PDB file of all heavy atoms in Angstrom:
ATOM      1  N   TRP A   1     127.316 175.114  59.423  1.00  0.00           N
ATOM      2  CA  TRP A   1     128.144 173.913  59.675  1.00  0.00           C
ATOM      3  C   TRP A   1     127.809 173.364  61.042  1.00  0.00           C
ATOM      4  O   TRP A   1     127.652 172.115  61.211  1.00  0.00           O
ATOM      5  CB  TRP A   1     129.529 174.264  59.490  1.00  0.00           C
ATOM      6  CG  TRP A   1     130.463 173.082  59.705  1.00  0.00           C
ATOM      7  CD1 TRP A   1     130.763 172.126  58.818  1.00  0.00           C
ATOM      8  CD2 TRP A   1     131.158 172.736  60.942  1.00  0.00           C
ATOM      9  NE1 TRP A   1     131.609 171.181  59.346  1.00  0.00           N
ATOM     10  CE2 TRP A   1     131.904 171.491  60.669  1.00  0.00           C
ATOM     11  CE3 TRP A   1     131.293 173.321  62.177  1.00  0.00           C
ATOM     12  CZ2 TRP A   1     132.681 170.925  61.624  1.00  0.00           C
ATOM     13  CZ3 TRP A   1     132.077 172.731  63.107  1.00  0.00           C
ATOM     14  CH2 TRP A   1     132.739 171.563  62.889  1.00  0.00           C
ATOM     15  N   ILE A   2     127.713 174.229  62.074  1.00  0.00           N
ATOM     16  CA  ILE A   2     127.395 173.728  63.408  1.00  0.00           C
ATOM     17  C   ILE A   2     126.064 172.993  63.432  1.00  0.00           C
ATOM     18  O   ILE A   2     125.875 171.961  64.024  1.00  0.00           O
ATOM     19  CB  ILE A   2     127.375 174.879  64.393  1.00  0.00           C
ATOM     20  CG1 ILE A   2     128.752 175.436  64.649  1.00  0.00           C
ATOM     21  CG2 ILE A   2     126.721 174.538  65.734  1.00  0.00           C
ATOM     22  CD1 ILE A   2     129.711 174.518  65.421  1.00  0.00           C
ATOM     23  N   GLU A   3     125.042 173.620  62.790  1.00  0.00           N
ATOM     24  CA  GLU A   3     123.668 172.998  62.758  1.00  0.00           C
ATOM     25  C   GLU A   3     123.663 171.633  62.061  1.00  0.00           C
ATOM     26  O   GLU A   3     123.019 170.713  62.505  1.00  0.00           O
ATOM     27  CB  GLU A   3     122.707 173.957  62.005  1.00  0.00           C
ATOM     28  CG  GLU A   3     122.433 175.250  62.803  1.00  0.00           C
ATOM     29  CD  GLU A   3     121.573 176.242  61.980  1.00  0.00           C
ATOM     30  OE1 GLU A   3     121.505 176.045  60.751  1.00  0.00           O
ATOM     31  OE2 GLU A   3     121.120 177.162  62.537  1.00  0.00           O
ATOM     32  N   LYS A   4     124.476 171.520  61.005  1.00  0.00           N
ATOM     33  CA  LYS A   4     124.485 170.197  60.235  1.00  0.00           C
ATOM     34  C   LYS A   4     125.250 169.166  60.960  1.00  0.00           C
ATOM     35  O   LYS A   4     124.945 167.945  60.835  1.00  0.00           O
ATOM     36  CB  LYS A   4     125.119 170.467  58.877  1.00  0.00           C
ATOM     37  CG  LYS A   4     124.277 171.307  57.909  1.00  0.00           C
ATOM     38  CD  LYS A   4     124.978 171.539  56.598  1.00  0.00           C
ATOM     39  CE  LYS A   4     124.181 172.428  55.696  1.00  0.00           C
ATOM     40  NZ  LYS A   4     124.940 172.768  54.434  1.00  0.00           N
ATOM     41  N   THR A   5     126.233 169.522  61.760  1.00  0.00           N
ATOM     42  CA  THR A   5     127.065 168.525  62.412  1.00  0.00           C
ATOM     43  C   THR A   5     126.764 168.365  63.898  1.00  0.00           C
ATOM     44  O   THR A   5     127.453 167.594  64.629  1.00  0.00           O
ATOM     45  CB  THR A   5     128.604 168.893  62.333  1.00  0.00           C
ATOM     46  OG1 THR A   5     128.751 170.240  62.935  1.00  0.00           O
ATOM     47  CG2 THR A   5     129.011 168.988  60.847  1.00  0.00           C
ATOM     48  N   LEU A   6     125.641 168.956  64.410  1.00  0.00           N
ATOM     49  CA  LEU A   6     125.326 168.903  65.728  1.00  0.00           C
ATOM     50  C   LEU A   6     124.886 167.494  66.165  1.00  0.00           C
ATOM     51  O   LEU A   6     124.036 166.916  65.498  1.00  0.00           O
ATOM     52  CB  LEU A   6     124.144 169.906  66.063  1.00  0.00           C
ATOM     53  CG  LEU A   6     123.925 170.252  67.514  1.00  0.00           C
ATOM     54  CD1 LEU A   6     125.089 171.093  68.086  1.00  0.00           C
ATOM     55  CD2 LEU A   6     122.617 171.028  67.657  1.00  0.00           C
ATOM     56  N   PRO A   7     125.472 166.890  67.157  1.00  0.00           N
ATOM     57  CA  PRO A   7     125.038 165.547  67.612  1.00  0.00           C
ATOM     58  C   PRO A   7     123.610 165.580  68.083  1.00  0.00           C
ATOM     59  O   PRO A   7     123.125 166.666  68.550  1.00  0.00           O
ATOM     60  CB  PRO A   7     126.050 165.248  68.763  1.00  0.00           C
ATOM     61  CG  PRO A   7     127.205 166.156  68.656  1.00  0.00           C
ATOM     62  CD  PRO A   7     126.567 167.358  68.008  1.00  0.00           C
ATOM     63  N   PRO A   8     122.903 164.453  68.030  1.00  0.00           N
ATOM     64  CA  PRO A   8     121.552 164.455  68.498  1.00  0.00           C
ATOM     65  C   PRO A   8     121.430 164.513  69.999  1.00  0.00           C
ATOM     66  O   PRO A   8     122.332 164.042  70.739  1.00  0.00           O
ATOM     67  CB  PRO A   8     121.012 163.087  68.087  1.00  0.00           C
ATOM     68  CG  PRO A   8     122.240 162.240  67.950  1.00  0.00           C
ATOM     69  CD  PRO A   8     123.323 163.130  67.522  1.00  0.00           C
ATOM     70  N   THR A   9     120.386 165.149  70.527  1.00  0.00           N
ATOM     71  CA  THR A   9     120.188 165.215  71.969  1.00  0.00           C
ATOM     72  C   THR A   9     119.575 163.939  72.431  1.00  0.00           C
ATOM     73  O   THR A   9     119.131 163.063  71.676  1.00  0.00           O
ATOM     74  CB  THR A   9     119.205 166.376  72.334  1.00  0.00           C
ATOM     75  OG1 THR A   9     117.914 166.160  71.722  1.00  0.00           O
ATOM     76  CG2 THR A   9     119.739 167.741  71.764  1.00  0.00           C
ATOM     77  N   ALA A  10     119.439 163.762  73.754  1.00  0.00           N
ATOM     78  CA  ALA A  10     118.861 162.537  74.316  1.00  0.00           C
ATOM     79  C   ALA A  10     117.388 162.387  73.853  1.00  0.00           C
ATOM     80  O   ALA A  10     116.961 161.296  73.522  1.00  0.00           O
ATOM     81  CB  ALA A  10     118.925 162.615  75.816  1.00  0.00           C
ATOM     82  N   SER A  11     116.653 163.456  73.790  1.00  0.00           N
ATOM     83  CA  SER A  11     115.248 163.399  73.345  1.00  0.00           C
ATOM     84  C   SER A  11     115.148 162.929  71.897  1.00  0.00           C
ATOM     85  O   SER A  11     114.308 162.127  71.533  1.00  0.00           O
ATOM     86  CB  SER A  11     114.593 164.828  73.507  1.00  0.00           C
ATOM     87  OG  SER A  11     114.569 165.219  74.797  1.00  0.00           O
ATOM     88  N   GLU A  12     116.079 163.426  71.065  1.00  0.00           N
ATOM     89  CA  GLU A  12     116.085 163.013  69.673  1.00  0.00           C
ATOM     90  C   GLU A  12     116.436 161.545  69.480  1.00  0.00           C
ATOM     91  O   GLU A  12     115.892 160.850  68.708  1.00  0.00           O
ATOM     92  CB  GLU A  12     117.037 163.909  68.849  1.00  0.00           C
ATOM     93  CG  GLU A  12     116.520 165.339  68.728  1.00  0.00           C
ATOM     94  CD  GLU A  12     117.589 166.260  68.202  1.00  0.00           C
ATOM     95  OE1 GLU A  12     118.857 165.959  68.326  1.00  0.00           O
ATOM     96  OE2 GLU A  12     117.234 167.308  67.688  1.00  0.00           O
ATOM     97  N   LEU A  13     117.383 161.108  70.341  1.00  0.00           N
ATOM     98  CA  LEU A  13     117.808 159.691  70.318  1.00  0.00           C
ATOM     99  C   LEU A  13     116.630 158.792  70.744  1.00  0.00           C
ATOM    100  O   LEU A  13     116.395 157.722  70.144  1.00  0.00           O
ATOM    101  CB  LEU A  13     118.949 159.431  71.201  1.00  0.00           C
ATOM    102  CG  LEU A  13     120.327 160.005  70.699  1.00  0.00           C
ATOM    103  CD1 LEU A  13     121.330 159.785  71.780  1.00  0.00           C
ATOM    104  CD2 LEU A  13     120.754 159.238  69.456  1.00  0.00           C
ATOM    105  N   VAL A  14     115.877 159.221  71.781  1.00  0.00           N
ATOM    106  CA  VAL A  14     114.771 158.413  72.235  1.00  0.00           C
ATOM    107  C   VAL A  14     113.747 158.293  71.149  1.00  0.00           C
ATOM    108  O   VAL A  14     113.188 157.201  70.816  1.00  0.00           O
ATOM    109  CB  VAL A  14     114.167 158.996  73.499  1.00  0.00           C
ATOM    110  CG1 VAL A  14     112.779 158.343  73.820  1.00  0.00           C
ATOM    111  CG2 VAL A  14     115.129 158.824  74.666  1.00  0.00           C
ATOM    112  N   GLU A  15     113.392 159.445  70.511  1.00  0.00           N
ATOM    113  CA  GLU A  15     112.403 159.440  69.429  1.00  0.00           C
ATOM    114  C   GLU A  15     112.862 158.590  68.235  1.00  0.00           C
ATOM    115  O   GLU A  15     112.082 157.799  67.664  1.00  0.00           O
ATOM    116  CB  GLU A  15     112.206 160.893  68.896  1.00  0.00           C
ATOM    117  CG  GLU A  15     111.121 160.970  67.832  1.00  0.00           C
ATOM    118  CD  GLU A  15     110.944 162.413  67.360  1.00  0.00           C
ATOM    119  OE1 GLU A  15     111.579 163.356  67.940  1.00  0.00           O
ATOM    120  OE2 GLU A  15     110.083 162.630  66.457  1.00  0.00           O
ATOM    121  N   MET A  16     114.163 158.599  67.890  1.00  0.00           N
ATOM    122  CA  MET A  16     114.677 157.785  66.858  1.00  0.00           C
ATOM    123  C   MET A  16     114.577 156.271  67.138  1.00  0.00           C
ATOM    124  O   MET A  16     114.159 155.451  66.289  1.00  0.00           O
ATOM    125  CB  MET A  16     116.189 158.103  66.628  1.00  0.00           C
ATOM    126  CG  MET A  16     116.905 157.289  65.535  1.00  0.00           C
ATOM    127  SD  MET A  16     117.700 155.796  66.187  1.00  0.00           S
ATOM    128  CE  MET A  16     119.019 156.545  67.172  1.00  0.00           C
ATOM    129  N   LEU A  17     114.854 155.883  68.456  1.00  0.00           N
ATOM    130  CA  LEU A  17     114.763 154.492  68.818  1.00  0.00           C
ATOM    131  C   LEU A  17     113.300 153.972  68.784  1.00  0.00           C
ATOM    132  O   LEU A  17     113.062 152.858  68.416  1.00  0.00           O
ATOM    133  CB  LEU A  17     115.309 154.311  70.194  1.00  0.00           C
ATOM    134  CG  LEU A  17     116.841 154.421  70.364  1.00  0.00           C
ATOM    135  CD1 LEU A  17     117.282 154.473  71.786  1.00  0.00           C
ATOM    136  CD2 LEU A  17     117.573 153.313  69.658  1.00  0.00           C
ATOM    137  N   VAL A  18     112.326 154.867  69.111  1.00  0.00           N
ATOM    138  CA  VAL A  18     110.977 154.458  69.112  1.00  0.00           C
ATOM    139  C   VAL A  18     110.428 154.336  67.676  1.00  0.00           C
ATOM    140  O   VAL A  18     109.806 153.399  67.310  1.00  0.00           O
ATOM    141  CB  VAL A  18     110.101 155.501  69.868  1.00  0.00           C
ATOM    142  CG1 VAL A  18     108.611 155.206  69.690  1.00  0.00           C
ATOM    143  CG2 VAL A  18     110.464 155.509  71.357  1.00  0.00           C
ATOM    144  N   GLN A  19     110.837 155.314  66.843  1.00  0.00           N
ATOM    145  CA  GLN A  19     110.287 155.405  65.452  1.00  0.00           C
ATOM    146  C   GLN A  19     111.047 154.414  64.506  1.00  0.00           C
ATOM    147  O   GLN A  19     110.415 153.644  63.822  1.00  0.00           O
ATOM    148  CB  GLN A  19     110.458 156.781  64.928  1.00  0.00           C
ATOM    149  CG  GLN A  19     109.649 157.825  65.649  1.00  0.00           C
ATOM    150  CD  GLN A  19     108.140 157.602  65.609  1.00  0.00           C
ATOM    151  OE1 GLN A  19     107.601 157.084  64.647  1.00  0.00           O
ATOM    152  NE2 GLN A  19     107.456 157.923  66.703  1.00  0.00           N
ATOM    153  N   LYS A  20     112.357 154.376  64.615  1.00  0.00           N
ATOM    154  CA  LYS A  20     113.114 153.560  63.660  1.00  0.00           C
ATOM    155  C   LYS A  20     113.248 152.136  64.108  1.00  0.00           C
ATOM    156  O   LYS A  20     113.276 151.237  63.244  1.00  0.00           O
ATOM    157  CB  LYS A  20     114.529 154.227  63.451  1.00  0.00           C
ATOM    158  CG  LYS A  20     115.398 153.425  62.443  1.00  0.00           C
ATOM    159  CD  LYS A  20     116.761 154.111  62.333  1.00  0.00           C
ATOM    160  CE  LYS A  20     117.672 153.380  61.336  1.00  0.00           C
ATOM    161  NZ  LYS A  20     119.004 153.969  61.197  1.00  0.00           N
ATOM    162  N   TYR A  21     113.385 151.880  65.412  1.00  0.00           N
ATOM    163  CA  TYR A  21     113.659 150.583  65.874  1.00  0.00           C
ATOM    164  C   TYR A  21     112.464 149.964  66.570  1.00  0.00           C
ATOM    165  O   TYR A  21     112.559 148.705  66.908  1.00  0.00           O
ATOM    166  CB  TYR A  21     114.858 150.541  66.871  1.00  0.00           C
ATOM    167  CG  TYR A  21     116.153 150.896  66.188  1.00  0.00           C
ATOM    168  CD1 TYR A  21     116.603 152.230  66.127  1.00  0.00           C
ATOM    169  CD2 TYR A  21     116.961 149.906  65.609  1.00  0.00           C
ATOM    170  CE1 TYR A  21     117.859 152.561  65.571  1.00  0.00           C
ATOM    171  CE2 TYR A  21     118.154 150.253  64.976  1.00  0.00           C
ATOM    172  CZ  TYR A  21     118.581 151.549  64.942  1.00  0.00           C
ATOM    173  OH  TYR A  21     119.784 151.832  64.359  1.00  0.00           O
ATOM    174  N   GLY A  22     111.413 150.640  66.787  1.00  0.00           N
ATOM    175  CA  GLY A  22     110.190 150.058  67.398  1.00  0.00           C
ATOM    176  C   GLY A  22     110.292 149.786  68.885  1.00  0.00           C
ATOM    177  O   GLY A  22     109.528 148.988  69.388  1.00  0.00           O
ATOM    178  N   LEU A  23     111.252 150.374  69.545  1.00  0.00           N
ATOM    179  CA  LEU A  23     111.348 150.189  70.972  1.00  0.00           C
ATOM    180  C   LEU A  23     110.268 150.877  71.773  1.00  0.00           C
ATOM    181  O   LEU A  23     109.736 151.860  71.303  1.00  0.00           O
ATOM    182  CB  LEU A  23     112.694 150.639  71.520  1.00  0.00           C
ATOM    183  CG  LEU A  23     114.003 149.960  71.069  1.00  0.00           C
ATOM    184  CD1 LEU A  23     115.178 150.484  71.806  1.00  0.00           C
ATOM    185  CD2 LEU A  23     113.907 148.449  71.225  1.00  0.00           C
ATOM    186  N   SER A  24     109.963 150.377  72.955  1.00  0.00           N
ATOM    187  CA  SER A  24     109.061 151.125  73.770  1.00  0.00           C
ATOM    188  C   SER A  24     109.705 152.360  74.331  1.00  0.00           C
ATOM    189  O   SER A  24     110.974 152.434  74.333  1.00  0.00           O
ATOM    190  CB  SER A  24     108.641 150.250  74.965  1.00  0.00           C
ATOM    191  OG  SER A  24     109.705 150.028  75.839  1.00  0.00           O
ATOM    192  N   PHE A  25     108.933 153.336  74.749  1.00  0.00           N
ATOM    193  CA  PHE A  25     109.496 154.612  75.255  1.00  0.00           C
ATOM    194  C   PHE A  25     110.500 154.318  76.443  1.00  0.00           C
ATOM    195  O   PHE A  25     111.537 154.847  76.539  1.00  0.00           O
ATOM    196  CB  PHE A  25     108.417 155.608  75.655  1.00  0.00           C
ATOM    197  CG  PHE A  25     108.903 156.860  76.255  1.00  0.00           C
ATOM    198  CD1 PHE A  25     109.381 157.841  75.462  1.00  0.00           C
ATOM    199  CD2 PHE A  25     108.833 157.018  77.656  1.00  0.00           C
ATOM    200  CE1 PHE A  25     109.869 159.058  76.005  1.00  0.00           C
ATOM    201  CE2 PHE A  25     109.268 158.203  78.210  1.00  0.00           C
ATOM    202  CZ  PHE A  25     109.819 159.222  77.341  1.00  0.00           C
ATOM    203  N   THR A  26     110.015 153.413  77.327  1.00  0.00           N
ATOM    204  CA  THR A  26     110.794 153.110  78.502  1.00  0.00           C
ATOM    205  C   THR A  26     112.134 152.495  78.141  1.00  0.00           C
ATOM    206  O   THR A  26     113.174 152.870  78.678  1.00  0.00           O
ATOM    207  CB  THR A  26     110.025 152.148  79.471  1.00  0.00           C
ATOM    208  OG1 THR A  26     108.768 152.797  79.837  1.00  0.00           O
ATOM    209  CG2 THR A  26     110.813 151.853  80.692  1.00  0.00           C
ATOM    210  N   ASP A  27     112.090 151.507  77.261  1.00  0.00           N
ATOM    211  CA  ASP A  27     113.366 150.842  76.866  1.00  0.00           C
ATOM    212  C   ASP A  27     114.226 151.815  76.130  1.00  0.00           C
ATOM    213  O   ASP A  27     115.515 151.813  76.328  1.00  0.00           O
ATOM    214  CB  ASP A  27     113.073 149.659  75.973  1.00  0.00           C
ATOM    215  CG  ASP A  27     112.626 148.442  76.747  1.00  0.00           C
ATOM    216  OD1 ASP A  27     112.651 148.473  77.973  1.00  0.00           O
ATOM    217  OD2 ASP A  27     112.244 147.404  76.098  1.00  0.00           O
ATOM    218  N   ALA A  28     113.683 152.682  75.327  1.00  0.00           N
ATOM    219  CA  ALA A  28     114.470 153.695  74.615  1.00  0.00           C
ATOM    220  C   ALA A  28     115.203 154.649  75.582  1.00  0.00           C
ATOM    221  O   ALA A  28     116.386 154.996  75.473  1.00  0.00           O
ATOM    222  CB  ALA A  28     113.656 154.487  73.633  1.00  0.00           C
ATOM    223  N   MET A  29     114.443 155.103  76.573  1.00  0.00           N
ATOM    224  CA  MET A  29     115.033 156.000  77.637  1.00  0.00           C
ATOM    225  C   MET A  29     116.156 155.336  78.326  1.00  0.00           C
ATOM    226  O   MET A  29     117.187 155.925  78.609  1.00  0.00           O
ATOM    227  CB  MET A  29     113.920 156.429  78.618  1.00  0.00           C
ATOM    228  CG  MET A  29     112.967 157.535  78.103  1.00  0.00           C
ATOM    229  SD  MET A  29     113.673 159.162  78.094  1.00  0.00           S
ATOM    230  CE  MET A  29     113.816 159.460  79.844  1.00  0.00           C
ATOM    231  N   THR A  30     115.912 154.048  78.695  1.00  0.00           N
ATOM    232  CA  THR A  30     116.950 153.315  79.442  1.00  0.00           C
ATOM    233  C   THR A  30     118.206 153.148  78.610  1.00  0.00           C
ATOM    234  O   THR A  30     119.313 153.347  79.052  1.00  0.00           O
ATOM    235  CB  THR A  30     116.380 151.959  79.861  1.00  0.00           C
ATOM    236  OG1 THR A  30     115.200 152.086  80.639  1.00  0.00           O
ATOM    237  CG2 THR A  30     117.409 151.191  80.668  1.00  0.00           C
ATOM    238  N   LEU A  31     118.011 152.767  77.339  1.00  0.00           N
ATOM    239  CA  LEU A  31     119.153 152.492  76.464  1.00  0.00           C
ATOM    240  C   LEU A  31     120.004 153.754  76.205  1.00  0.00           C
ATOM    241  O   LEU A  31     121.184 153.681  76.224  1.00  0.00           O
ATOM    242  CB  LEU A  31     118.641 152.018  75.085  1.00  0.00           C
ATOM    243  CG  LEU A  31     119.684 151.320  74.177  1.00  0.00           C
ATOM    244  CD1 LEU A  31     120.322 150.172  74.853  1.00  0.00           C
ATOM    245  CD2 LEU A  31     118.950 150.836  72.895  1.00  0.00           C
ATOM    246  N   VAL A  32     119.366 154.919  76.109  1.00  0.00           N
ATOM    247  CA  VAL A  32     120.093 156.152  75.902  1.00  0.00           C
ATOM    248  C   VAL A  32     120.904 156.565  77.153  1.00  0.00           C
ATOM    249  O   VAL A  32     121.979 157.072  77.098  1.00  0.00           O
ATOM    250  CB  VAL A  32     119.068 157.294  75.535  1.00  0.00           C
ATOM    251  CG1 VAL A  32     119.767 158.680  75.588  1.00  0.00           C
ATOM    252  CG2 VAL A  32     118.519 157.063  74.121  1.00  0.00           C
ATOM    253  N   SER A  33     120.399 156.168  78.313  1.00  0.00           N
ATOM    254  CA  SER A  33     120.992 156.664  79.543  1.00  0.00           C
ATOM    255  C   SER A  33     122.133 155.831  80.016  1.00  0.00           C
ATOM    256  O   SER A  33     122.873 156.236  80.881  1.00  0.00           O
ATOM    257  CB  SER A  33     119.922 156.759  80.682  1.00  0.00           C
ATOM    258  OG  SER A  33     119.415 155.513  80.999  1.00  0.00           O
ATOM    259  N   LEU A  34     122.255 154.585  79.531  1.00  0.00           N
ATOM    260  CA  LEU A  34     123.209 153.622  80.075  1.00  0.00           C
ATOM    261  C   LEU A  34     124.694 153.840  79.494  1.00  0.00           C
ATOM    262  O   LEU A  34     124.792 154.057  78.269  1.00  0.00           O
ATOM    263  CB  LEU A  34     122.768 152.190  79.727  1.00  0.00           C
ATOM    264  CG  LEU A  34     121.585 151.687  80.562  1.00  0.00           C
ATOM    265  CD1 LEU A  34     121.216 150.271  80.044  1.00  0.00           C
ATOM    266  CD2 LEU A  34     121.953 151.562  82.012  1.00  0.00           C
ATOM    267  N   ASP A  35     125.618 153.788  80.362  1.00  0.00           N
ATOM    268  CA  ASP A  35     126.989 153.657  79.950  1.00  0.00           C
ATOM    269  C   ASP A  35     127.498 154.752  78.967  1.00  0.00           C
ATOM    270  O   ASP A  35     128.228 154.417  78.077  1.00  0.00           O
ATOM    271  CB  ASP A  35     127.258 152.244  79.372  1.00  0.00           C
ATOM    272  CG  ASP A  35     126.770 151.121  80.272  1.00  0.00           C
ATOM    273  OD1 ASP A  35     127.214 151.133  81.482  1.00  0.00           O
ATOM    274  OD2 ASP A  35     125.963 150.308  79.849  1.00  0.00           O
ATOM    275  N   ASP A  36     127.073 155.975  79.223  1.00  0.00           N
ATOM    276  CA  ASP A  36     127.519 157.092  78.360  1.00  0.00           C
ATOM    277  C   ASP A  36     127.320 156.810  76.891  1.00  0.00           C
ATOM    278  O   ASP A  36     128.077 157.281  76.090  1.00  0.00           O
ATOM    279  CB  ASP A  36     129.001 157.376  78.612  1.00  0.00           C
ATOM    280  CG  ASP A  36     129.236 157.837  80.007  1.00  0.00           C
ATOM    281  OD1 ASP A  36     128.339 158.559  80.605  1.00  0.00           O
ATOM    282  OD2 ASP A  36     130.301 157.623  80.592  1.00  0.00           O
ATOM    283  N   GLY A  37     126.172 156.177  76.536  1.00  0.00           N
ATOM    284  CA  GLY A  37     125.875 155.941  75.169  1.00  0.00           C
ATOM    285  C   GLY A  37     126.487 154.676  74.566  1.00  0.00           C
ATOM    286  O   GLY A  37     126.194 154.297  73.379  1.00  0.00           O
TER     287      GLY A  37
END
């Protein structure tokens, strides 16, 4: 249950933004780091 409900890490969020939304790596990193998500 813990494994299935575990929130994504910052690295996983960056990868998702690059792959799913087509953002650049720099913009994805910036977006993840701003304003506590």
